[in-house]
Amino acid sequence: MLKRIAREEEINHDCQILFIGASERQRIPSILEKIRGEKILTVSESDDFLEKNGIINLARQGRKIRLQVNLTAAEMRS
């Protein structure tokens, strides 16, 4: 099931994958703090997402999308 949320308060414990769009770049730290300790796979398309402890970043390289993974963040959420 896919659910679009507008506020951080709408994120619930049943969430398995959380995509945070680049338009939410400023809120990434507070969103990730809200789900700390939860087993939620975080995905974004923001250049500095991995540095903010996100797990997977979708990076455009020419006409391709490359997956960048923060293994440390992934291990913390497993």
C-alpha atoms as a PDB file:
ATOM      1  CA  MET A   1       0.000   0.000   0.000  1.00  0.00           C
ATOM      2  CA  LEU A   2       1.251   3.467  -0.876  1.00  0.00           C
ATOM      3  CA  LYS A   3       0.322   6.397   1.323  1.00  0.00           C
ATOM      4  CA  ARG A   4       1.270  10.026   0.778  1.00  0.00           C
ATOM      5  CA  ILE A   5       1.878  11.977   3.964  1.00  0.00           C
ATOM      6  CA  ALA A   6       1.981  15.706   4.474  1.00  0.00           C
ATOM      7  CA  ARG A   7       3.177  15.853   8.076  1.00  0.00           C
ATOM      8  CA  GLU A   8       5.752  13.925  10.054  1.00  0.00           C
ATOM      9  CA  GLU A   9       3.067  13.007  12.582  1.00  0.00           C
ATOM     10  CA  GLU A  10       1.399  10.838   9.928  1.00  0.00           C
ATOM     11  CA  ILE A  11       4.374   8.420   9.777  1.00  0.00           C
ATOM     12  CA  ASN A  12       3.321   5.270  11.608  1.00  0.00           C
ATOM     13  CA  HIS A  13       5.033   2.127  12.845  1.00  0.00           C
ATOM     14  CA  ASP A  14       3.566   0.029  10.018  1.00  0.00           C
ATOM     15  CA  CYS A  15       5.616   1.916   7.442  1.00  0.00           C
ATOM     16  CA  GLN A  16       8.301  -0.243   5.804  1.00  0.00           C
ATOM     17  CA  ILE A  17       9.711   2.104   3.161  1.00  0.00           C
ATOM     18  CA  LEU A  18       9.708   5.887   3.468  1.00  0.00           C
ATOM     19  CA  PHE A  19      10.503   7.966   0.380  1.00  0.00           C
ATOM     20  CA  ILE A  20      11.463  11.542   1.178  1.00  0.00           C
ATOM     21  CA  GLY A  21      11.372  13.752  -1.920  1.00  0.00           C
ATOM     22  CA  ALA A  22      14.017  16.372  -2.637  1.00  0.00           C
ATOM     23  CA  SER A  23      11.403  19.053  -1.953  1.00  0.00           C
ATOM     24  CA  GLU A  24      11.568  17.986   1.712  1.00  0.00           C
ATOM     25  CA  ARG A  25      15.359  18.473   1.913  1.00  0.00           C
ATOM     26  CA  GLN A  26      15.119  20.910   4.832  1.00  0.00           C
ATOM     27  CA  ARG A  27      12.974  18.498   6.877  1.00  0.00           C
ATOM     28  CA  ILE A  28      15.113  15.373   6.342  1.00  0.00           C
ATOM     29  CA  PRO A  29      16.947  15.613   9.703  1.00  0.00           C
ATOM     30  CA  SER A  30      13.727  15.973  11.699  1.00  0.00           C
ATOM     31  CA  ILE A  31      11.982  13.194   9.737  1.00  0.00           C
ATOM     32  CA  LEU A  32      14.898  10.807  10.289  1.00  0.00           C
ATOM     33  CA  GLU A  33      14.974  11.737  13.974  1.00  0.00           C
ATOM     34  CA  LYS A  34      11.264  10.932  14.282  1.00  0.00           C
ATOM     35  CA  ILE A  35      11.786   7.392  12.970  1.00  0.00           C
ATOM     36  CA  ARG A  36      15.008   6.681  14.847  1.00  0.00           C
ATOM     37  CA  GLY A  37      14.958   3.118  16.124  1.00  0.00           C
ATOM     38  CA  GLU A  38      12.234   2.066  13.678  1.00  0.00           C
ATOM     39  CA  LYS A  39      12.923  -0.592  11.042  1.00  0.00           C
ATOM     40  CA  ILE A  40      12.043   1.669   8.115  1.00  0.00           C
ATOM     41  CA  LEU A  41      13.985   1.754   4.846  1.00  0.00           C
ATOM     42  CA  THR A  42      14.542   5.405   3.962  1.00  0.00           C
ATOM     43  CA  VAL A  43      14.924   6.472   0.337  1.00  0.00           C
ATOM     44  CA  SER A  44      15.442   9.899  -1.201  1.00  0.00           C
ATOM     45  CA  GLU A  45      16.746  11.765  -4.215  1.00  0.00           C
ATOM     46  CA  SER A  46      18.542  14.486  -2.291  1.00  0.00           C
ATOM     47  CA  ASP A  47      22.289  14.978  -2.816  1.00  0.00           C
ATOM     48  CA  ASP A  48      23.147  15.047   0.892  1.00  0.00           C
ATOM     49  CA  PHE A  49      20.701  12.344   2.042  1.00  0.00           C
ATOM     50  CA  LEU A  50      23.363   9.779   2.923  1.00  0.00           C
ATOM     51  CA  GLU A  51      25.309  12.320   4.982  1.00  0.00           C
ATOM     52  CA  LYS A  52      22.124  12.915   6.979  1.00  0.00           C
ATOM     53  CA  ASN A  53      21.927   9.151   7.756  1.00  0.00           C
ATOM     54  CA  GLY A  54      19.427   8.201   5.077  1.00  0.00           C
ATOM     55  CA  ILE A  55      19.820   4.663   3.719  1.00  0.00           C
ATOM     56  CA  ILE A  56      19.325   4.780  -0.076  1.00  0.00           C
ATOM     57  CA  ASN A  57      19.782   7.763  -2.372  1.00  0.00           C
ATOM     58  CA  LEU A  58      18.638   7.731  -5.991  1.00  0.00           C
ATOM     59  CA  ALA A  59      21.311   9.673  -7.871  1.00  0.00           C
ATOM     60  CA  ARG A  60      20.914  10.684 -11.500  1.00  0.00           C
ATOM     61  CA  GLN A  61      23.996  10.032 -13.605  1.00  0.00           C
ATOM     62  CA  GLY A  62      23.312  11.080 -17.167  1.00  0.00           C
ATOM     63  CA  ARG A  63      20.268   9.092 -18.274  1.00  0.00           C
ATOM     64  CA  LYS A  64      20.640   6.499 -15.522  1.00  0.00           C
ATOM     65  CA  ILE A  65      19.593   6.340 -11.899  1.00  0.00           C
ATOM     66  CA  ARG A  66      22.260   4.983  -9.556  1.00  0.00           C
ATOM     67  CA  LEU A  67      21.594   3.642  -6.094  1.00  0.00           C
ATOM     68  CA  GLN A  68      23.868   4.984  -3.392  1.00  0.00           C
ATOM     69  CA  VAL A  69      23.693   3.141  -0.074  1.00  0.00           C
ATOM     70  CA  ASN A  70      24.720   4.180   3.421  1.00  0.00           C
ATOM     71  CA  LEU A  71      25.551   0.773   4.945  1.00  0.00           C
ATOM     72  CA  THR A  72      26.095   2.222   8.413  1.00  0.00           C
ATOM     73  CA  ALA A  73      22.592   3.721   8.468  1.00  0.00           C
ATOM     74  CA  ALA A  74      21.154   0.481   7.044  1.00  0.00           C
ATOM     75  CA  GLU A  75      22.753  -1.569   9.832  1.00  0.00           C
ATOM     76  CA  MET A  76      21.436   0.816  12.476  1.00  0.00           C
ATOM     77  CA  ARG A  77      17.855   0.265  11.244  1.00  0.00           C
ATOM     78  CA  SER A  78      18.046  -3.516  10.876  1.00  0.00           C
END
